[in-house]
Amino acid sequence: MAHNNTEIEAKFYVLDLKKIEKRLQSLGAKQIVARQFEYNLRYDDDKNSLSRSGKVLRLRRYDDVRLTFKGPGNSENGVLSRSEIELVVNDFDSARLFLEGLGYHVNIVYEKFRAMYELEERLVTLDELPYGKFVEIEGDSPEAVREFAQKLGLQPQAAIPTSYHSLFDRFCRNRRLKLKNLCFAEFDGLEVSPRDLDVFPADS
């Protein structure tokens, strides 16, 4: 959910996602998408110019199929603001062929389970990734995001001003592993601690 094509969000690493969900429900949040699997392809060109310039080109299959472009981000006390343009497309495979026809290639596949809630014009997603559980909050200003985080019992100072992809790179670097994709199968048997991601639980 972008306001005027600007995404303003913060993500938080948490230990107890169910507790956050119960808190959301007690506040009267409306579940707009039930927990389900999400599949993402992130694209770049042969020079990786998008990644180097902080841009994102992504094809996502979740409750619908979306093609997303994100511009470079600006962080303010852990809240990330960046331009975002999203298009809903009706065919995942055709969109993939379209991007590949333009010369883009998949540079990472990443998976998650996600449930989506809405309250007070705030969009909250409860995410389960191969390396941990997270809450993402989107709002119309950094202040609104931080205030809402406190309502959910999260510590605003624990906000993580980076992407899931960057956390994946951080994990691989810290654990000295060469994993190709952020997929559940590749993390099978791996134990992941907050230290591996250089984060601390916002709900502790």
N, C-alpha and C. Protein backbone atom coordinates (compact mmCIF):
# COMPACT_ATOMS: atom_id res chain seq x y z
N MET A 1 0.86 -1.19 0.00
CA MET A 1 0.00 0.00 0.00
C MET A 1 0.89 1.23 0.00
N ALA A 2 0.89 1.97 -1.08
CA ALA A 2 1.71 3.17 -1.19
C ALA A 2 0.81 4.39 -1.24
N HIS A 3 1.20 5.42 -0.52
CA HIS A 3 0.47 6.68 -0.54
C HIS A 3 1.14 7.60 -1.56
N ASN A 4 0.38 7.98 -2.59
CA ASN A 4 0.95 8.84 -3.65
C ASN A 4 2.23 8.23 -4.21
N ASN A 5 2.19 6.92 -4.46
CA ASN A 5 3.34 6.18 -5.00
C ASN A 5 4.57 6.24 -4.11
N THR A 6 4.35 6.45 -2.80
CA THR A 6 5.45 6.41 -1.84
C THR A 6 5.13 5.38 -0.77
N GLU A 7 6.05 4.45 -0.59
CA GLU A 7 5.90 3.44 0.44
C GLU A 7 6.65 3.90 1.68
N ILE A 8 5.95 3.93 2.82
CA ILE A 8 6.55 4.30 4.10
C ILE A 8 6.31 3.13 5.04
N GLU A 9 7.37 2.42 5.40
CA GLU A 9 7.18 1.21 6.18
C GLU A 9 8.36 0.94 7.10
N ALA A 10 8.09 0.10 8.10
CA ALA A 10 9.15 -0.41 8.96
C ALA A 10 8.88 -1.88 9.19
N LYS A 11 9.94 -2.65 9.33
CA LYS A 11 9.80 -4.07 9.63
C LYS A 11 10.46 -4.34 10.97
N PHE A 12 9.90 -5.33 11.68
CA PHE A 12 10.36 -5.67 13.01
C PHE A 12 10.52 -7.18 13.13
N TYR A 13 11.65 -7.61 13.63
CA TYR A 13 11.86 -9.02 13.93
C TYR A 13 11.17 -9.32 15.25
N VAL A 14 10.38 -10.40 15.29
CA VAL A 14 9.64 -10.74 16.51
C VAL A 14 9.80 -12.22 16.83
N LEU A 15 9.58 -12.53 18.10
CA LEU A 15 9.65 -13.91 18.56
C LEU A 15 8.28 -14.59 18.55
N ASP A 16 7.22 -13.81 18.81
CA ASP A 16 5.88 -14.37 18.96
C ASP A 16 4.89 -13.66 18.03
N LEU A 17 4.74 -14.20 16.83
CA LEU A 17 3.87 -13.59 15.84
C LEU A 17 2.40 -13.73 16.23
N LYS A 18 2.07 -14.84 16.89
CA LYS A 18 0.67 -15.06 17.29
C LYS A 18 0.21 -14.00 18.29
N LYS A 19 1.10 -13.60 19.17
CA LYS A 19 0.77 -12.58 20.16
C LYS A 19 0.47 -11.25 19.47
N ILE A 20 1.23 -10.92 18.45
CA ILE A 20 1.00 -9.68 17.70
C ILE A 20 -0.33 -9.76 16.97
N GLU A 21 -0.63 -10.94 16.42
CA GLU A 21 -1.90 -11.11 15.71
C GLU A 21 -3.09 -10.94 16.67
N LYS A 22 -2.99 -11.50 17.86
CA LYS A 22 -4.06 -11.34 18.85
C LYS A 22 -4.22 -9.87 19.25
N ARG A 23 -3.10 -9.17 19.35
CA ARG A 23 -3.16 -7.74 19.68
C ARG A 23 -3.86 -6.97 18.57
N LEU A 24 -3.55 -7.28 17.33
CA LEU A 24 -4.22 -6.64 16.19
C LEU A 24 -5.72 -6.87 16.24
N GLN A 25 -6.09 -8.11 16.49
CA GLN A 25 -7.52 -8.46 16.53
C GLN A 25 -8.23 -7.76 17.67
N SER A 26 -7.55 -7.62 18.81
CA SER A 26 -8.16 -6.93 19.95
C SER A 26 -8.36 -5.45 19.69
N LEU A 27 -7.53 -4.88 18.81
CA LEU A 27 -7.65 -3.47 18.44
C LEU A 27 -8.71 -3.26 17.36
N GLY A 28 -9.25 -4.35 16.83
CA GLY A 28 -10.28 -4.26 15.81
C GLY A 28 -9.77 -4.27 14.38
N ALA A 29 -8.55 -4.74 14.19
CA ALA A 29 -7.99 -4.78 12.84
C ALA A 29 -8.76 -5.77 11.98
N LYS A 30 -8.87 -5.45 10.71
CA LYS A 30 -9.57 -6.30 9.75
C LYS A 30 -8.56 -7.11 8.95
N GLN A 31 -8.74 -8.41 8.92
CA GLN A 31 -7.85 -9.25 8.10
C GLN A 31 -8.30 -9.13 6.65
N ILE A 32 -7.43 -8.64 5.80
CA ILE A 32 -7.79 -8.46 4.40
C ILE A 32 -7.24 -9.58 3.51
N VAL A 33 -6.20 -10.28 4.00
CA VAL A 33 -5.73 -11.49 3.31
C VAL A 33 -5.33 -12.50 4.38
N ALA A 34 -5.92 -13.68 4.31
CA ALA A 34 -5.57 -14.74 5.27
C ALA A 34 -4.15 -15.24 5.00
N ARG A 35 -3.56 -15.85 6.03
CA ARG A 35 -2.19 -16.35 5.90
C ARG A 35 -2.10 -17.31 4.72
N GLN A 36 -1.17 -17.02 3.83
CA GLN A 36 -0.94 -17.89 2.68
C GLN A 36 0.48 -17.72 2.17
N PHE A 37 0.86 -18.61 1.29
CA PHE A 37 2.21 -18.61 0.74
C PHE A 37 2.40 -17.49 -0.26
N GLU A 38 3.57 -16.86 -0.20
CA GLU A 38 3.92 -15.80 -1.14
C GLU A 38 5.23 -16.16 -1.83
N TYR A 39 5.26 -15.96 -3.14
CA TYR A 39 6.41 -16.33 -3.96
C TYR A 39 6.88 -15.09 -4.73
N ASN A 40 8.16 -14.77 -4.59
CA ASN A 40 8.70 -13.55 -5.18
C ASN A 40 9.90 -13.83 -6.07
N LEU A 41 9.95 -13.15 -7.19
CA LEU A 41 11.11 -13.15 -8.06
C LEU A 41 11.63 -11.72 -8.15
N ARG A 42 12.89 -11.55 -7.81
CA ARG A 42 13.50 -10.22 -7.92
C ARG A 42 14.44 -10.22 -9.11
N TYR A 43 14.31 -9.19 -9.94
CA TYR A 43 15.01 -9.12 -11.22
C TYR A 43 16.09 -8.05 -11.24
N ASP A 44 17.05 -8.27 -12.15
CA ASP A 44 18.07 -7.26 -12.42
C ASP A 44 18.57 -7.45 -13.85
N ASP A 45 19.39 -6.51 -14.31
CA ASP A 45 19.98 -6.67 -15.64
C ASP A 45 21.34 -7.33 -15.53
N ASP A 46 22.03 -7.48 -16.64
CA ASP A 46 23.30 -8.19 -16.64
C ASP A 46 24.39 -7.47 -15.84
N LYS A 47 24.22 -6.16 -15.63
CA LYS A 47 25.20 -5.38 -14.85
C LYS A 47 24.77 -5.20 -13.40
N ASN A 48 23.63 -5.80 -13.03
CA ASN A 48 23.08 -5.63 -11.68
C ASN A 48 22.92 -4.15 -11.31
N SER A 49 22.55 -3.37 -12.30
CA SER A 49 22.47 -1.92 -12.08
C SER A 49 21.33 -1.52 -11.15
N LEU A 50 20.25 -2.32 -11.13
CA LEU A 50 19.15 -2.00 -10.22
C LEU A 50 19.58 -2.15 -8.77
N SER A 51 20.18 -3.29 -8.46
CA SER A 51 20.64 -3.53 -7.08
C SER A 51 21.67 -2.51 -6.66
N ARG A 52 22.60 -2.19 -7.54
CA ARG A 52 23.66 -1.24 -7.19
C ARG A 52 23.13 0.15 -6.93
N SER A 53 22.00 0.49 -7.55
CA SER A 53 21.43 1.83 -7.35
C SER A 53 20.29 1.83 -6.32
N GLY A 54 20.11 0.69 -5.64
CA GLY A 54 19.10 0.63 -4.58
C GLY A 54 17.67 0.49 -5.09
N LYS A 55 17.51 0.04 -6.34
CA LYS A 55 16.19 -0.11 -6.93
C LYS A 55 15.75 -1.58 -6.91
N VAL A 56 14.45 -1.80 -6.97
CA VAL A 56 13.90 -3.15 -6.93
C VAL A 56 12.90 -3.33 -8.07
N LEU A 57 13.04 -4.44 -8.78
CA LEU A 57 12.06 -4.85 -9.78
C LEU A 57 11.64 -6.26 -9.39
N ARG A 58 10.35 -6.42 -9.04
CA ARG A 58 9.89 -7.67 -8.44
C ARG A 58 8.58 -8.14 -9.06
N LEU A 59 8.50 -9.46 -9.21
CA LEU A 59 7.24 -10.10 -9.62
C LEU A 59 6.80 -10.98 -8.45
N ARG A 60 5.57 -10.76 -7.98
CA ARG A 60 5.09 -11.43 -6.78
C ARG A 60 3.78 -12.16 -7.04
N ARG A 61 3.69 -13.37 -6.49
CA ARG A 61 2.44 -14.12 -6.51
C ARG A 61 2.00 -14.35 -5.07
N TYR A 62 0.85 -13.75 -4.73
CA TYR A 62 0.33 -13.85 -3.36
C TYR A 62 -1.18 -14.03 -3.47
N ASP A 63 -1.97 -13.06 -3.02
CA ASP A 63 -3.41 -13.13 -3.23
C ASP A 63 -3.77 -12.71 -4.65
N ASP A 64 -2.83 -12.01 -5.28
CA ASP A 64 -2.94 -11.68 -6.70
C ASP A 64 -1.52 -11.72 -7.27
N VAL A 65 -1.35 -11.28 -8.50
CA VAL A 65 -0.02 -11.24 -9.11
C VAL A 65 0.32 -9.77 -9.34
N ARG A 66 1.47 -9.34 -8.84
CA ARG A 66 1.85 -7.93 -8.93
C ARG A 66 3.27 -7.76 -9.44
N LEU A 67 3.42 -6.77 -10.29
CA LEU A 67 4.73 -6.33 -10.77
C LEU A 67 5.03 -5.03 -10.05
N THR A 68 6.17 -4.97 -9.40
CA THR A 68 6.49 -3.83 -8.54
C THR A 68 7.86 -3.24 -8.88
N PHE A 69 7.90 -1.91 -8.90
CA PHE A 69 9.18 -1.19 -8.97
C PHE A 69 9.30 -0.32 -7.73
N LYS A 70 10.47 -0.37 -7.09
CA LYS A 70 10.75 0.48 -5.94
C LYS A 70 12.02 1.26 -6.19
N GLY A 71 11.99 2.54 -5.84
CA GLY A 71 13.16 3.38 -5.98
C GLY A 71 14.07 3.26 -4.77
N PRO A 72 15.19 3.96 -4.77
CA PRO A 72 16.10 3.93 -3.62
C PRO A 72 15.39 4.41 -2.36
N GLY A 73 15.76 3.85 -1.21
CA GLY A 73 15.09 4.18 0.04
C GLY A 73 15.79 5.25 0.85
N ASN A 74 15.01 5.90 1.70
CA ASN A 74 15.55 6.87 2.64
C ASN A 74 15.08 6.47 4.04
N SER A 75 16.02 6.25 4.96
CA SER A 75 15.68 5.77 6.29
C SER A 75 15.63 6.90 7.30
N GLU A 76 14.57 6.89 8.11
CA GLU A 76 14.41 7.86 9.19
C GLU A 76 14.04 7.11 10.47
N ASN A 77 15.01 6.96 11.36
CA ASN A 77 14.80 6.23 12.61
C ASN A 77 14.21 4.84 12.38
N GLY A 78 14.75 4.16 11.39
CA GLY A 78 14.33 2.79 11.13
C GLY A 78 13.15 2.64 10.19
N VAL A 79 12.48 3.75 9.85
CA VAL A 79 11.35 3.71 8.92
C VAL A 79 11.86 4.05 7.53
N LEU A 80 11.54 3.19 6.58
CA LEU A 80 12.06 3.34 5.22
C LEU A 80 11.00 3.95 4.32
N SER A 81 11.37 5.01 3.61
CA SER A 81 10.48 5.65 2.65
C SER A 81 11.09 5.52 1.26
N ARG A 82 10.28 5.14 0.30
CA ARG A 82 10.78 5.00 -1.06
C ARG A 82 9.61 5.05 -2.04
N SER A 83 9.91 5.43 -3.27
CA SER A 83 8.87 5.43 -4.30
C SER A 83 8.51 4.00 -4.64
N GLU A 84 7.23 3.78 -4.93
CA GLU A 84 6.76 2.44 -5.26
C GLU A 84 5.67 2.54 -6.32
N ILE A 85 5.83 1.75 -7.37
CA ILE A 85 4.82 1.66 -8.42
C ILE A 85 4.45 0.19 -8.58
N GLU A 86 3.16 -0.12 -8.43
CA GLU A 86 2.71 -1.49 -8.54
C GLU A 86 1.62 -1.64 -9.60
N LEU A 87 1.71 -2.72 -10.32
CA LEU A 87 0.70 -3.07 -11.30
C LEU A 87 0.20 -4.47 -11.01
N VAL A 88 -1.12 -4.64 -11.00
CA VAL A 88 -1.70 -5.98 -10.88
C VAL A 88 -1.78 -6.57 -12.29
N VAL A 89 -1.22 -7.76 -12.46
CA VAL A 89 -1.25 -8.42 -13.76
C VAL A 89 -2.03 -9.73 -13.63
N ASN A 90 -2.54 -10.23 -14.72
CA ASN A 90 -3.43 -11.39 -14.61
C ASN A 90 -2.76 -12.72 -14.89
N ASP A 91 -1.45 -12.70 -15.23
CA ASP A 91 -0.80 -13.95 -15.56
C ASP A 91 0.67 -13.90 -15.13
N PHE A 92 1.01 -14.70 -14.14
CA PHE A 92 2.38 -14.71 -13.59
C PHE A 92 3.39 -15.13 -14.65
N ASP A 93 3.12 -16.20 -15.35
CA ASP A 93 4.09 -16.72 -16.32
C ASP A 93 4.30 -15.76 -17.48
N SER A 94 3.23 -15.11 -17.94
CA SER A 94 3.38 -14.14 -19.03
C SER A 94 4.20 -12.93 -18.57
N ALA A 95 3.98 -12.49 -17.35
CA ALA A 95 4.74 -11.37 -16.81
C ALA A 95 6.22 -11.72 -16.70
N ARG A 96 6.48 -12.96 -16.31
CA ARG A 96 7.87 -13.41 -16.22
C ARG A 96 8.53 -13.40 -17.60
N LEU A 97 7.84 -13.91 -18.60
CA LEU A 97 8.38 -13.91 -19.96
C LEU A 97 8.58 -12.48 -20.48
N PHE A 98 7.68 -11.59 -20.10
CA PHE A 98 7.78 -10.19 -20.48
C PHE A 98 9.07 -9.57 -19.95
N LEU A 99 9.34 -9.80 -18.67
CA LEU A 99 10.55 -9.23 -18.05
C LEU A 99 11.81 -9.84 -18.66
N GLU A 100 11.78 -11.15 -18.88
CA GLU A 100 12.94 -11.80 -19.47
C GLU A 100 13.15 -11.35 -20.91
N GLY A 101 12.05 -11.05 -21.61
CA GLY A 101 12.16 -10.54 -22.97
C GLY A 101 12.81 -9.17 -23.03
N LEU A 102 12.67 -8.41 -21.95
CA LEU A 102 13.30 -7.09 -21.86
C LEU A 102 14.77 -7.18 -21.45
N GLY A 103 15.24 -8.38 -21.15
CA GLY A 103 16.64 -8.56 -20.80
C GLY A 103 16.92 -8.69 -19.31
N TYR A 104 15.88 -8.76 -18.50
CA TYR A 104 16.08 -8.92 -17.06
C TYR A 104 16.15 -10.40 -16.70
N HIS A 105 16.89 -10.69 -15.64
CA HIS A 105 17.01 -12.06 -15.16
C HIS A 105 16.69 -12.10 -13.67
N VAL A 106 16.29 -13.26 -13.18
CA VAL A 106 16.01 -13.43 -11.75
C VAL A 106 17.33 -13.50 -11.00
N ASN A 107 17.53 -12.60 -10.03
CA ASN A 107 18.76 -12.68 -9.25
C ASN A 107 18.53 -13.25 -7.85
N ILE A 108 17.26 -13.36 -7.44
CA ILE A 108 16.96 -14.08 -6.20
C ILE A 108 15.48 -14.46 -6.18
N VAL A 109 15.22 -15.64 -5.64
CA VAL A 109 13.86 -16.08 -5.37
C VAL A 109 13.68 -16.03 -3.86
N TYR A 110 12.57 -15.46 -3.40
CA TYR A 110 12.35 -15.53 -1.95
C TYR A 110 10.89 -15.84 -1.64
N GLU A 111 10.73 -16.57 -0.53
CA GLU A 111 9.44 -17.11 -0.15
C GLU A 111 9.08 -16.65 1.26
N LYS A 112 7.77 -16.58 1.50
CA LYS A 112 7.31 -16.31 2.85
C LYS A 112 5.86 -16.75 2.97
N PHE A 113 5.41 -16.89 4.20
CA PHE A 113 3.99 -16.99 4.49
C PHE A 113 3.58 -15.65 5.07
N ARG A 114 2.46 -15.11 4.60
CA ARG A 114 2.05 -13.76 4.99
C ARG A 114 0.56 -13.70 5.25
N ALA A 115 0.20 -12.98 6.32
CA ALA A 115 -1.19 -12.59 6.58
C ALA A 115 -1.22 -11.07 6.62
N MET A 116 -2.31 -10.47 6.16
CA MET A 116 -2.37 -9.03 6.02
C MET A 116 -3.59 -8.46 6.75
N TYR A 117 -3.34 -7.43 7.55
CA TYR A 117 -4.38 -6.76 8.32
C TYR A 117 -4.38 -5.27 8.02
N GLU A 118 -5.52 -4.65 8.28
CA GLU A 118 -5.63 -3.20 8.11
C GLU A 118 -6.35 -2.60 9.31
N LEU A 119 -5.82 -1.47 9.80
CA LEU A 119 -6.44 -0.76 10.92
C LEU A 119 -5.98 0.69 10.88
N GLU A 120 -6.95 1.60 10.97
CA GLU A 120 -6.65 3.04 11.03
C GLU A 120 -5.76 3.48 9.86
N GLU A 121 -6.06 2.97 8.68
CA GLU A 121 -5.30 3.28 7.47
C GLU A 121 -3.84 2.83 7.58
N ARG A 122 -3.59 1.88 8.46
CA ARG A 122 -2.28 1.27 8.56
C ARG A 122 -2.39 -0.15 8.03
N LEU A 123 -1.43 -0.53 7.21
CA LEU A 123 -1.38 -1.88 6.69
C LEU A 123 -0.33 -2.65 7.48
N VAL A 124 -0.71 -3.78 8.04
CA VAL A 124 0.20 -4.59 8.85
C VAL A 124 0.27 -5.98 8.26
N THR A 125 1.48 -6.45 7.99
CA THR A 125 1.65 -7.81 7.48
C THR A 125 2.43 -8.62 8.50
N LEU A 126 2.00 -9.85 8.68
CA LEU A 126 2.65 -10.80 9.58
C LEU A 126 3.36 -11.82 8.71
N ASP A 127 4.68 -11.78 8.73
CA ASP A 127 5.48 -12.54 7.78
C ASP A 127 6.30 -13.63 8.47
N GLU A 128 6.31 -14.80 7.85
CA GLU A 128 7.16 -15.91 8.29
C GLU A 128 8.08 -16.26 7.15
N LEU A 129 9.37 -15.98 7.33
CA LEU A 129 10.39 -16.25 6.33
C LEU A 129 11.26 -17.41 6.79
N PRO A 130 12.08 -17.96 5.90
CA PRO A 130 12.94 -19.07 6.30
C PRO A 130 13.87 -18.73 7.47
N TYR A 131 14.21 -17.46 7.67
CA TYR A 131 15.13 -17.09 8.76
C TYR A 131 14.45 -16.39 9.93
N GLY A 132 13.11 -16.36 9.98
CA GLY A 132 12.48 -15.77 11.15
C GLY A 132 11.12 -15.16 10.87
N LYS A 133 10.55 -14.58 11.92
CA LYS A 133 9.22 -13.98 11.87
C LYS A 133 9.33 -12.46 11.97
N PHE A 134 8.47 -11.78 11.20
CA PHE A 134 8.56 -10.32 11.12
C PHE A 134 7.17 -9.69 11.05
N VAL A 135 7.11 -8.45 11.49
CA VAL A 135 5.92 -7.62 11.33
C VAL A 135 6.32 -6.43 10.49
N GLU A 136 5.55 -6.15 9.44
CA GLU A 136 5.76 -4.93 8.64
C GLU A 136 4.57 -4.01 8.85
N ILE A 137 4.86 -2.74 9.06
CA ILE A 137 3.82 -1.73 9.24
C ILE A 137 4.01 -0.65 8.20
N GLU A 138 2.94 -0.36 7.46
CA GLU A 138 2.96 0.73 6.49
C GLU A 138 1.99 1.82 6.93
N GLY A 139 2.40 3.07 6.76
CA GLY A 139 1.54 4.19 7.12
C GLY A 139 1.82 5.38 6.24
N ASP A 140 1.24 6.52 6.59
CA ASP A 140 1.40 7.71 5.75
C ASP A 140 2.52 8.63 6.21
N SER A 141 3.21 8.27 7.30
CA SER A 141 4.36 9.05 7.76
C SER A 141 5.20 8.18 8.69
N PRO A 142 6.50 8.48 8.81
CA PRO A 142 7.34 7.72 9.75
C PRO A 142 6.81 7.78 11.18
N GLU A 143 6.30 8.95 11.58
CA GLU A 143 5.78 9.10 12.94
C GLU A 143 4.59 8.18 13.17
N ALA A 144 3.70 8.10 12.18
CA ALA A 144 2.52 7.25 12.30
C ALA A 144 2.92 5.78 12.41
N VAL A 145 3.93 5.38 11.67
CA VAL A 145 4.40 4.00 11.72
C VAL A 145 4.96 3.68 13.10
N ARG A 146 5.79 4.57 13.63
CA ARG A 146 6.38 4.32 14.95
C ARG A 146 5.32 4.29 16.05
N GLU A 147 4.34 5.20 15.97
CA GLU A 147 3.27 5.23 16.97
C GLU A 147 2.45 3.94 16.94
N PHE A 148 2.18 3.45 15.74
CA PHE A 148 1.39 2.23 15.62
C PHE A 148 2.18 1.02 16.11
N ALA A 149 3.49 1.03 15.89
CA ALA A 149 4.33 -0.05 16.39
C ALA A 149 4.20 -0.16 17.91
N GLN A 150 4.18 0.98 18.59
CA GLN A 150 4.02 0.97 20.04
C GLN A 150 2.67 0.41 20.46
N LYS A 151 1.63 0.71 19.69
CA LYS A 151 0.31 0.16 19.97
C LYS A 151 0.31 -1.36 19.94
N LEU A 152 1.17 -1.91 19.09
CA LEU A 152 1.25 -3.36 18.95
C LEU A 152 2.21 -3.98 19.96
N GLY A 153 2.79 -3.15 20.81
CA GLY A 153 3.73 -3.65 21.80
C GLY A 153 5.12 -3.87 21.26
N LEU A 154 5.46 -3.19 20.17
CA LEU A 154 6.77 -3.32 19.56
C LEU A 154 7.64 -2.11 19.91
N GLN A 155 8.92 -2.34 20.04
CA GLN A 155 9.85 -1.26 20.34
C GLN A 155 10.24 -0.54 19.04
N PRO A 156 9.86 0.73 18.88
CA PRO A 156 10.17 1.43 17.63
C PRO A 156 11.65 1.45 17.30
N GLN A 157 12.50 1.46 18.31
CA GLN A 157 13.95 1.52 18.06
C GLN A 157 14.49 0.21 17.47
N ALA A 158 13.65 -0.83 17.47
CA ALA A 158 14.08 -2.11 16.91
C ALA A 158 13.76 -2.23 15.42
N ALA A 159 13.20 -1.18 14.83
CA ALA A 159 12.86 -1.21 13.41
C ALA A 159 14.09 -1.51 12.56
N ILE A 160 13.88 -2.30 11.53
CA ILE A 160 14.98 -2.73 10.65
C ILE A 160 14.87 -1.98 9.32
N PRO A 161 15.76 -1.03 9.06
CA PRO A 161 15.64 -0.21 7.85
C PRO A 161 16.29 -0.84 6.62
N THR A 162 15.92 -2.07 6.34
CA THR A 162 16.49 -2.73 5.18
C THR A 162 15.51 -3.78 4.67
N SER A 163 15.83 -4.38 3.54
CA SER A 163 14.91 -5.33 2.90
C SER A 163 15.18 -6.76 3.37
N TYR A 164 14.23 -7.64 3.08
CA TYR A 164 14.43 -9.05 3.37
C TYR A 164 15.61 -9.62 2.58
N HIS A 165 15.80 -9.11 1.39
CA HIS A 165 16.94 -9.53 0.56
C HIS A 165 18.25 -9.15 1.25
N SER A 166 18.33 -7.92 1.76
CA SER A 166 19.55 -7.48 2.44
C SER A 166 19.81 -8.27 3.71
N LEU A 167 18.73 -8.63 4.42
CA LEU A 167 18.89 -9.47 5.61
C LEU A 167 19.42 -10.85 5.22
N PHE A 168 18.98 -11.34 4.08
CA PHE A 168 19.47 -12.62 3.57
C PHE A 168 20.97 -12.55 3.29
N ASP A 169 21.40 -11.47 2.64
CA ASP A 169 22.83 -11.28 2.37
C ASP A 169 23.61 -11.19 3.68
N ARG A 170 23.04 -10.51 4.66
CA ARG A 170 23.69 -10.37 5.97
C ARG A 170 23.83 -11.73 6.65
N PHE A 171 22.77 -12.53 6.58
CA PHE A 171 22.81 -13.86 7.18
C PHE A 171 23.90 -14.71 6.54
N CYS A 172 23.92 -14.74 5.22
CA CYS A 172 24.93 -15.55 4.51
C CYS A 172 26.34 -15.10 4.86
N ARG A 173 26.53 -13.80 4.96
CA ARG A 173 27.85 -13.26 5.30
C ARG A 173 28.24 -13.65 6.74
N ASN A 174 27.31 -13.47 7.67
CA ASN A 174 27.62 -13.77 9.07
C ASN A 174 27.85 -15.26 9.31
N ARG A 175 27.11 -16.10 8.61
CA ARG A 175 27.25 -17.55 8.78
C ARG A 175 28.23 -18.18 7.79
N ARG A 176 28.76 -17.35 6.90
CA ARG A 176 29.71 -17.81 5.88
C ARG A 176 29.13 -18.96 5.06
N LEU A 177 27.90 -18.72 4.61
CA LEU A 177 27.20 -19.69 3.78
C LEU A 177 26.99 -19.11 2.38
N LYS A 178 26.90 -19.98 1.41
CA LYS A 178 26.64 -19.56 0.04
C LYS A 178 25.29 -20.13 -0.40
N LEU A 179 24.23 -19.50 0.08
CA LEU A 179 22.89 -19.89 -0.32
C LEU A 179 22.48 -19.05 -1.51
N LYS A 180 21.76 -19.65 -2.43
CA LYS A 180 21.38 -18.92 -3.64
C LYS A 180 20.09 -18.14 -3.46
N ASN A 181 19.11 -18.75 -2.80
CA ASN A 181 17.79 -18.14 -2.69
C ASN A 181 17.26 -18.18 -1.26
N LEU A 182 16.35 -17.28 -0.98
CA LEU A 182 15.73 -17.19 0.34
C LEU A 182 14.47 -18.06 0.33
N CYS A 183 14.70 -19.37 0.28
CA CYS A 183 13.61 -20.33 0.16
C CYS A 183 13.66 -21.30 1.33
N PHE A 184 12.51 -21.80 1.73
CA PHE A 184 12.43 -22.69 2.89
C PHE A 184 13.28 -23.94 2.70
N ALA A 185 13.31 -24.46 1.49
CA ALA A 185 14.08 -25.69 1.24
C ALA A 185 15.57 -25.48 1.51
N GLU A 186 16.09 -24.29 1.17
CA GLU A 186 17.51 -24.03 1.36
C GLU A 186 17.88 -23.83 2.82
N PHE A 187 16.89 -23.49 3.66
CA PHE A 187 17.14 -23.28 5.09
C PHE A 187 16.81 -24.52 5.91
N ASP A 188 16.41 -25.59 5.25
CA ASP A 188 16.04 -26.81 5.96
C ASP A 188 17.21 -27.31 6.82
N GLY A 189 16.97 -27.44 8.13
CA GLY A 189 18.01 -27.91 9.04
C GLY A 189 18.88 -26.82 9.62
N LEU A 190 18.73 -25.59 9.17
CA LEU A 190 19.52 -24.47 9.69
C LEU A 190 18.82 -23.81 10.88
N GLU A 191 19.55 -23.58 11.94
CA GLU A 191 19.04 -22.81 13.07
C GLU A 191 19.50 -21.37 12.89
N VAL A 192 18.56 -20.43 13.03
CA VAL A 192 18.87 -19.02 12.81
C VAL A 192 18.57 -18.23 14.09
N SER A 193 19.53 -17.44 14.52
CA SER A 193 19.35 -16.60 15.71
C SER A 193 19.28 -15.14 15.28
N PRO A 194 18.74 -14.27 16.14
CA PRO A 194 18.74 -12.82 15.82
C PRO A 194 20.14 -12.30 15.53
N ARG A 195 21.13 -12.85 16.21
CA ARG A 195 22.51 -12.41 15.98
C ARG A 195 22.97 -12.67 14.56
N ASP A 196 22.49 -13.78 13.98
CA ASP A 196 22.83 -14.08 12.59
C ASP A 196 22.38 -13.00 11.62
N LEU A 197 21.30 -12.29 12.00
CA LEU A 197 20.73 -11.24 11.15
C LEU A 197 21.11 -9.85 11.62
N ASP A 198 21.84 -9.76 12.73
CA ASP A 198 22.19 -8.46 13.33
C ASP A 198 20.94 -7.66 13.68
N VAL A 199 19.96 -8.32 14.29
CA VAL A 199 18.73 -7.67 14.72
C VAL A 199 18.44 -8.08 16.15
N PHE A 200 17.48 -7.39 16.80
CA PHE A 200 17.02 -7.86 18.10
C PHE A 200 15.51 -7.83 18.12
N PRO A 201 14.89 -8.76 18.87
CA PRO A 201 13.43 -8.88 18.86
C PRO A 201 12.75 -7.61 19.36
N ALA A 202 11.79 -7.13 18.57
CA ALA A 202 11.07 -5.91 18.94
C ALA A 202 10.02 -6.17 19.99
N ASP A 203 9.69 -7.45 20.22
CA ASP A 203 8.64 -7.78 21.18
C ASP A 203 9.21 -8.36 22.48
N SER A 204 10.50 -8.17 22.71
CA SER A 204 11.10 -8.70 23.93
C SER A 204 11.15 -7.64 25.03
